[in-house]
Amino acid sequence: QVQLVESGGGLVQAGGSLRLSCAASGHTFRTYNMGWFRQRPGKEREFVATISRGGTNTLHSHSVKGRFTVSRDKDKNTVYLQMNNLKPEATGVYYCAARYAHLGDIRAVVSGYAYWGQGTRVTVSS
């Protein structure tokens, strides 16, 4: 089992940047496909980005592609979400998630992930 702790959320003006971090406990970080999801006010949790266990395969949702970038540091057991040119519609709670996976395997759906962090809130003002 893995425990996930997100950080880095906050209040930022439209056009600004934030970098979210997700620290994973345990020695099996390298075996997990990691994902970022968000839940915007009044909406269901949705996929944002995912990265394979080796870091070679990534996928970003259409709405964030070109502005958000997912990455991971195996030495720090941490996955990141760099968010640039933020828009007010990005406001919400961002969650980190993990699933055991084979090399290169990624998932872009909520139901595919077994472990979740508590979330970090992002607010983008206009």
Protein backbone atom coordinates (compact mmCIF):
# COMPACT_ATOMS: atom_id res chain seq x y z
CA GLN A 1 0.00 0.00 0.00
CA VAL A 2 1.16 3.54 -0.69
CA GLN A 3 0.29 6.80 1.01
CA LEU A 4 0.14 10.00 -1.01
CA VAL A 5 0.44 13.58 0.23
CA GLU A 6 -0.16 16.50 -2.11
CA SER A 7 1.15 20.03 -1.63
CA GLY A 8 1.69 23.22 -3.59
CA GLY A 9 -1.85 24.43 -4.03
CA GLY A 10 -2.90 27.99 -3.35
CA LEU A 11 -4.31 31.20 -4.75
CA VAL A 12 -2.90 32.54 -8.00
CA GLN A 13 -3.99 35.10 -10.57
CA ALA A 14 -5.02 34.07 -14.04
CA GLY A 15 -1.96 33.61 -16.22
CA GLY A 16 0.18 32.58 -13.27
CA SER A 17 1.84 29.27 -12.44
CA LEU A 18 1.84 26.69 -9.69
CA ARG A 19 3.70 23.44 -9.19
CA LEU A 20 1.91 20.71 -7.33
CA SER A 21 3.85 17.94 -5.63
CA CYS A 22 2.76 14.50 -4.49
CA ALA A 23 5.04 12.63 -2.12
CA ALA A 24 4.60 8.87 -1.97
CA SER A 25 5.54 6.70 0.98
CA GLY A 26 7.14 3.29 0.77
CA HIS A 27 9.72 1.64 -1.44
CA THR A 28 7.47 0.72 -4.35
CA PHE A 29 7.04 4.12 -5.97
CA ARG A 30 8.84 2.90 -9.07
CA THR A 31 6.13 0.29 -9.67
CA TYR A 32 3.25 2.77 -9.76
CA ASN A 33 1.62 4.59 -12.61
CA MET A 34 0.80 8.02 -11.15
CA GLY A 35 -2.07 10.29 -12.05
CA TRP A 36 -3.40 13.77 -11.37
CA PHE A 37 -7.12 14.44 -11.22
CA ARG A 38 -9.19 17.44 -10.20
CA GLN A 39 -12.65 18.17 -8.96
CA ARG A 40 -13.98 21.55 -9.92
CA PRO A 41 -16.93 23.13 -8.05
CA GLY A 42 -20.15 21.34 -8.87
CA LYS A 43 -18.45 18.83 -11.16
CA GLU A 44 -17.26 15.25 -10.98
CA ARG A 45 -13.64 14.33 -10.51
CA GLU A 46 -11.84 14.40 -13.84
CA PHE A 47 -8.57 13.30 -15.35
CA VAL A 48 -5.78 15.85 -15.73
CA ALA A 49 -2.53 13.98 -16.42
CA THR A 50 -0.78 10.67 -15.94
CA ILE A 51 2.78 9.33 -16.10
CA SER A 52 4.01 5.76 -16.40
CA ARG A 53 6.12 4.10 -13.75
CA GLY A 54 9.30 4.70 -15.71
CA GLY A 55 8.37 8.24 -16.65
CA THR A 56 8.63 7.59 -20.39
CA ASN A 57 4.93 7.67 -21.15
CA THR A 58 2.69 10.62 -20.29
CA LEU A 59 -0.78 11.79 -21.21
CA HIS A 60 -2.48 15.11 -20.54
CA SER A 61 -6.13 15.98 -20.91
CA HIS A 62 -7.06 18.10 -23.89
CA SER A 63 -8.03 21.03 -21.69
CA VAL A 64 -4.56 21.32 -20.10
CA LYS A 65 -2.29 20.05 -22.87
CA GLY A 66 0.48 22.51 -23.62
CA ARG A 67 0.06 24.33 -20.29
CA PHE A 68 0.39 21.56 -17.67
CA THR A 69 3.24 19.05 -17.46
CA VAL A 70 3.44 15.93 -15.33
CA SER A 71 6.82 14.56 -14.22
CA ARG A 72 8.29 12.32 -11.54
CA ASP A 73 11.48 12.04 -9.51
CA LYS A 74 12.25 8.46 -8.54
CA ASP A 75 14.90 9.49 -6.03
CA LYS A 76 12.42 11.69 -4.14
CA ASN A 77 9.39 9.39 -4.57
CA THR A 78 7.53 12.42 -5.86
CA VAL A 79 5.36 13.25 -8.82
CA TYR A 80 4.81 16.82 -9.96
CA LEU A 81 2.27 18.78 -11.93
CA GLN A 82 3.63 22.02 -13.35
CA MET A 83 0.72 24.29 -14.22
CA ASN A 84 1.37 27.34 -16.38
CA ASN A 85 -0.91 30.01 -17.82
CA LEU A 86 -3.60 29.10 -15.33
CA LYS A 87 -7.18 29.98 -16.09
CA PRO A 88 -10.04 30.58 -13.62
CA GLU A 89 -11.72 27.36 -14.78
CA ALA A 90 -8.77 25.43 -13.33
CA THR A 91 -10.04 26.23 -9.83
CA GLY A 92 -10.71 23.11 -7.81
CA VAL A 93 -9.18 20.42 -5.65
CA TYR A 94 -6.33 18.48 -7.23
CA TYR A 95 -5.73 14.88 -6.31
CA CYS A 96 -2.76 12.60 -6.80
CA ALA A 97 -3.46 8.92 -7.43
CA ALA A 98 -1.45 5.73 -7.84
CA ARG A 99 -1.94 2.28 -9.31
CA TYR A 100 0.37 -0.66 -9.66
CA ALA A 101 1.22 -1.02 -13.36
CA HIS A 102 3.51 -2.63 -15.89
CA LEU A 103 6.12 -0.55 -17.68
CA GLY A 104 4.53 2.01 -19.98
CA ASP A 105 1.00 1.30 -18.82
CA ILE A 106 -1.10 4.38 -17.99
CA ARG A 107 -4.75 5.02 -17.20
CA ALA A 108 -6.83 8.18 -17.61
CA VAL A 109 -9.91 7.25 -15.59
CA VAL A 110 -10.75 7.68 -11.91
CA SER A 111 -11.77 4.05 -11.51
CA GLY A 112 -8.35 2.84 -12.62
CA TYR A 113 -6.56 4.05 -9.52
CA ALA A 114 -6.45 2.33 -6.15
CA TYR A 115 -4.72 4.92 -3.98
CA TRP A 116 -5.54 8.59 -3.52
CA GLY A 117 -4.19 11.58 -1.66
CA GLN A 118 -6.29 14.01 0.33
CA GLY A 119 -6.10 16.72 -2.32
CA THR A 120 -4.73 20.23 -2.53
CA ARG A 121 -6.86 23.25 -3.39
CA VAL A 122 -6.07 25.51 -6.32
CA THR A 123 -7.86 28.82 -6.76
CA VAL A 124 -7.29 30.94 -9.85
CA SER A 125 -8.64 34.46 -9.69
CA SER A 126 -9.63 36.42 -12.76
